[in-house]
Structure formats: structure tokens, C-alpha cells
Protein backbone atom coordinates (compact mmCIF):
# COMPACT_ATOMS: atom_id res chain seq x y z
CA MET A 1 97.29 61.65 -149.85
CA LEU A 2 97.44 58.23 -148.30
CA LEU A 3 99.54 59.60 -145.51
CA LEU A 4 97.11 62.42 -144.96
CA THR A 5 94.15 60.05 -144.87
CA ALA A 6 95.96 57.72 -142.47
CA GLY A 7 96.80 60.67 -140.21
CA TYR A 8 93.21 61.86 -140.36
CA LEU A 9 91.87 58.38 -139.49
CA PHE A 10 94.40 58.03 -136.70
CA GLY A 11 93.41 61.44 -135.29
CA ALA A 12 89.71 60.67 -135.67
CA ASN A 13 90.17 57.33 -133.89
CA ARG A 14 92.06 59.00 -131.05
CA GLY A 15 89.39 61.70 -130.82
CA TYR A 16 86.69 59.01 -130.71
CA GLN A 17 88.56 57.17 -127.94
CA ALA A 18 89.03 60.39 -125.99
CA ARG A 19 85.32 61.21 -126.34
CA GLU A 20 84.38 57.68 -125.23
CA GLN A 21 86.67 57.97 -122.24
CA LEU A 22 85.12 61.34 -121.32
CA ARG A 23 81.63 59.87 -121.76
CA ARG A 24 82.49 56.95 -119.44
CA GLN A 25 83.97 59.33 -116.89
CA ASN A 26 80.81 61.46 -117.04
CA LEU A 27 78.64 58.36 -116.51
CA GLU A 28 80.80 57.22 -113.58
CA GLN A 29 80.66 60.68 -112.04
CA ALA A 30 76.88 60.81 -112.54
CA GLU A 31 76.55 57.42 -110.80
CA GLU A 32 78.79 58.59 -107.96
CA MET A 33 76.74 61.77 -107.62
CA GLY A 34 73.55 59.68 -107.54
CA LEU A 35 74.99 57.43 -104.82
CA LEU A 36 76.20 60.47 -102.90
CA ARG A 37 72.75 62.05 -103.11
CA GLN A 38 71.19 58.80 -101.86
CA ARG A 39 73.64 58.65 -98.96
CA LEU A 40 72.94 62.27 -98.10
CA SER A 41 69.17 61.85 -98.31
CA LEU A 42 69.10 58.74 -96.12
CA PRO A 43 70.13 60.60 -92.95
CA GLU A 44 67.44 63.19 -93.66
CA GLU A 45 64.85 60.42 -93.95
CA ARG A 46 66.24 58.76 -90.83
CA ASP A 47 66.27 62.10 -89.05
CA GLU A 48 62.67 62.71 -90.07
CA ASP A 49 61.65 59.21 -88.92
CA LEU A 50 63.50 59.75 -85.66
CA HIS A 51 61.92 63.18 -85.24
CA THR A 52 58.44 61.72 -85.86
CA THR A 53 59.04 58.88 -83.40
CA ILE A 54 60.37 61.22 -80.73
CA LYS A 55 57.41 63.56 -81.23
CA ARG A 56 54.93 60.67 -80.96
CA VAL A 57 56.60 59.39 -77.78
CA LEU A 58 56.93 62.80 -76.14
CA THR A 59 53.45 64.15 -77.00
CA PRO A 60 51.70 62.48 -74.01
CA LEU A 61 54.47 63.69 -71.68
CA ILE A 62 54.22 67.24 -73.01
CA GLN A 63 50.43 67.16 -72.63
CA ARG A 64 50.76 65.93 -69.03
CA GLU A 65 53.32 68.62 -68.19
CA ARG A 66 51.14 71.31 -69.77
CA LEU A 67 48.11 70.05 -67.81
CA SER A 68 50.14 69.98 -64.61
CA PHE A 69 51.30 73.55 -65.22
CA ASP A 70 47.76 74.75 -66.00
CA LEU A 71 46.30 73.06 -62.91
CA SER A 72 48.97 74.58 -60.66
CA HIS A 73 48.06 78.09 -61.86
CA LEU A 74 44.34 78.17 -61.04
CA LYS A 75 42.83 81.43 -59.87
CA ALA A 76 40.83 81.55 -56.67
CA THR A 77 39.73 85.17 -56.33
CA SER A 78 38.77 85.52 -52.70
CA GLY A 79 39.59 82.22 -51.04
CA ARG A 80 35.98 81.77 -49.89
CA ARG A 81 33.99 78.55 -50.11
CA SER A 82 31.73 80.18 -52.68
CA ASP A 83 34.76 80.05 -55.02
CA LEU A 84 34.73 76.26 -55.04
CA THR A 85 32.43 76.02 -58.08
CA THR A 86 34.57 78.51 -59.99
CA LEU A 87 37.69 76.60 -59.03
CA VAL A 88 36.19 73.24 -60.02
CA ASP A 89 35.05 74.76 -63.34
CA GLN A 90 38.61 75.92 -63.99
CA ILE A 91 39.91 72.41 -63.29
CA ALA A 92 37.36 70.96 -65.74
CA GLU A 93 38.22 73.52 -68.40
CA LYS A 94 42.02 73.32 -68.12
CA GLY A 95 42.02 69.53 -67.90
CA ASN A 96 39.41 69.10 -70.63
CA PHE A 97 37.46 66.92 -68.18
CA SER A 98 33.85 66.07 -68.92
CA ALA A 99 33.06 66.38 -65.19
CA VAL A 100 34.78 67.36 -61.95
CA LEU A 101 33.28 66.72 -58.54
CA LEU A 102 34.51 67.75 -55.11
CA SER A 103 32.80 65.54 -52.54
CA ASP A 104 33.03 64.15 -49.03
CA GLU A 105 33.65 60.48 -48.32
CA ALA A 106 29.94 59.65 -48.50
CA GLY A 107 29.88 60.99 -52.06
CA TRP A 108 27.89 64.13 -51.21
CA PRO A 109 28.91 66.96 -53.53
CA LEU A 110 30.54 70.10 -52.15
CA ALA A 111 31.04 71.54 -55.65
CA SER A 112 30.76 70.31 -59.20
CA SER A 113 31.69 71.67 -62.59
CA ASN A 114 28.93 73.18 -64.72
CA ASN A 115 29.45 70.55 -67.42
CA ALA A 116 29.02 67.64 -64.97
CA ARG A 117 26.26 65.19 -65.80
CA ASP A 118 24.94 62.28 -63.76
CA LEU A 119 26.34 63.54 -60.44
CA ASP A 120 24.51 60.82 -58.48
CA ARG A 121 26.41 58.09 -60.30
CA LEU A 122 29.69 59.97 -59.95
CA GLY A 123 29.08 60.50 -56.22
CA ALA A 124 28.26 56.81 -55.79
CA THR A 125 31.45 55.87 -57.63
CA THR A 126 33.44 58.17 -55.37
CA SER A 127 31.95 56.70 -52.18
CA LEU A 128 32.71 53.17 -53.45
CA LEU A 129 36.29 54.20 -54.17
CA PHE A 130 36.55 55.50 -50.59
CA LEU A 131 35.38 52.09 -49.33
CA LEU A 132 37.91 50.38 -51.57
CA ALA A 133 40.69 52.68 -50.32
CA ASP A 134 39.73 51.85 -46.72
CA ARG A 135 39.88 48.13 -47.46
CA ILE A 136 43.28 48.45 -49.09
CA ALA A 137 44.58 50.39 -46.06
CA ARG A 138 43.52 47.75 -43.51
CA ASP A 139 46.13 46.14 -41.26
CA LYS A 140 48.34 49.24 -41.33
CA ALA A 141 48.95 49.03 -45.08
CA PRO A 142 49.62 52.37 -46.82
CA ALA A 143 46.39 54.12 -47.80
CA PRO A 144 45.93 54.86 -51.51
CA LEU A 145 45.82 58.52 -52.48
CA SER A 146 44.39 58.01 -55.97
CA LEU A 147 42.17 55.45 -57.59
CA MET A 148 41.30 55.20 -61.27
CA VAL A 149 38.44 53.45 -63.02
CA HIS A 150 38.65 52.84 -66.76
CA ASP A 151 35.43 51.63 -68.37
CA GLU A 152 34.63 50.02 -71.72
CA ALA A 153 33.58 53.38 -73.19
CA ASN A 154 37.23 54.55 -72.77
CA THR A 155 36.19 56.88 -69.97
CA VAL A 156 38.60 57.29 -67.07
CA THR A 157 37.38 58.37 -63.64
CA LEU A 158 40.20 59.59 -61.41
CA CYS A 159 39.49 59.94 -57.71
CA ARG A 160 42.13 61.86 -55.71
CA ILE A 161 41.63 61.45 -51.97
CA PHE A 162 42.95 64.16 -49.65
CA ARG A 163 42.40 65.62 -46.19
CA VAL A 164 41.49 69.08 -45.00
CA GLY A 165 41.72 69.04 -41.23
CA SER A 166 39.99 65.90 -40.01
CA GLN A 167 37.74 65.64 -43.06
CA ARG A 168 38.51 63.26 -45.92
CA LEU A 169 37.49 64.59 -49.31
CA SER A 170 37.76 63.57 -52.91
CA LEU A 171 38.43 65.50 -56.07
CA THR A 172 37.09 63.35 -58.90
CA ALA A 173 37.59 64.04 -62.60
CA VAL A 174 36.11 62.23 -65.58
CA SER A 175 37.96 62.18 -68.88
CA THR A 176 37.44 60.51 -72.22
CA GLY A 177 40.50 59.71 -74.28
CA THR A 178 42.97 61.79 -72.25
CA GLN A 179 45.78 59.82 -70.67
CA LEU A 180 45.62 60.47 -66.95
CA THR A 181 48.06 59.49 -64.24
CA PRO A 182 47.22 58.99 -60.56
CA MET A 183 48.90 62.35 -59.84
CA THR A 184 47.13 64.41 -62.53
CA LEU A 185 44.97 66.32 -60.05
CA ASP A 186 47.73 66.92 -57.48
CA PRO A 187 48.71 70.41 -58.76
CA ALA A 188 45.12 71.63 -58.22
CA LEU A 189 44.89 70.38 -54.64
CA ALA A 190 46.80 73.28 -53.09
CA LYS A 191 44.20 75.81 -54.31
CA VAL A 192 41.28 73.58 -53.34
CA GLU A 193 42.73 73.04 -49.86
CA ALA A 194 43.39 76.77 -49.46
CA VAL A 195 39.76 77.61 -50.30
CA LEU A 196 38.41 74.87 -48.01
CA SER A 197 40.64 75.94 -45.13
CA SER A 198 39.55 79.58 -45.27
């Protein structure tokens, strides 16, 4: 009986040790799995952070490219001067501009978008920008093609100076909050020049 009890206790002790060893192995494996999951999830978080950063950086570039594409695909139906208002309205709509004005160097309007307000002030700004461009171009310095005015109300006025024949003209756009570059209006100039030349 004593031998049987000793054998039972020995077997029970070995079983207990084996169970403890299995329990420790399970805990170690669970910890390793947890660390592995953390390591695997970190690249996803990094990838998501990287994706968000790239998207934030590229959004203005994508918007500019989309605007450039839209402005290069304006529709001038007949190529007559009466189409200027329609063309200027398209520029205002596609560029989300609060006003677009096509004027001569004195600031007199040739066409303006339907949503344009305070055309006198915009024309005066355009004529002042022409004077500024002339001053910059004195003494055979290169003449500026674009001038931008950014005011304290976060409104940007972009004046793109161009020539049709011997006449100097300006295509001026007003935008609030949109990031403009000096070349934003360039894609629209080909259509405007084509209508003015006809």
C-alpha cells in the first residue's frame, strides 16, 4: 500500500510539473503572440499615418491639377466676342472664384462673371497692378506675367497679364481660401485669346 501511495504521489507530482510546464509554455506563447500582434499592427498604424500625411500633402497639388485640367477644357461655342461672358462664367465656376474680370490695362471691363461684385474696385486693382508691372519692367527688366494680392480677409486676387495683338489685357480672378499659383489662369488663356482674336 505504501508503495502504491508513493507511486501515486510520484505520478501526481510529475503530472503537476508537466501541467505547470505546459501552463508556462502557454503563457510564453500568448506573450509572444501579443508581441507579434503589436509588431504587425505597428506597420499598419505607420502605413495609415504615412497615408494620411501623403494625402494631406498631395491634396493641394491634386486640386491644382484638377483646376488646371478644368480650365484647359472650357467650351467657347462660336468663338465670337459675345462668348466672352460665357467663357468668363465658366472660368469662375470651374475655379470656384468669387469673381472673374477680363479687362484692358486701364481696368475697363470687357467681360465679367455673373457672380462678380464690386467691379469698380476690381478694375481699379487691375489697373494698379498694370502700373506695378510696368514699374517692375523698367530698365529692360523682365515684365511680370502674373501678380497676386492677398488681403487680411484671406482673399487672393490673381491678375494674369497677357497680350492679344498690340493690346495688353488682364484676366483677374478673386478667390477666398483656395490656394492659387501665379500660373493658375494660364490654361484658360488659350480660349480667351482665341475668342478675342476672332
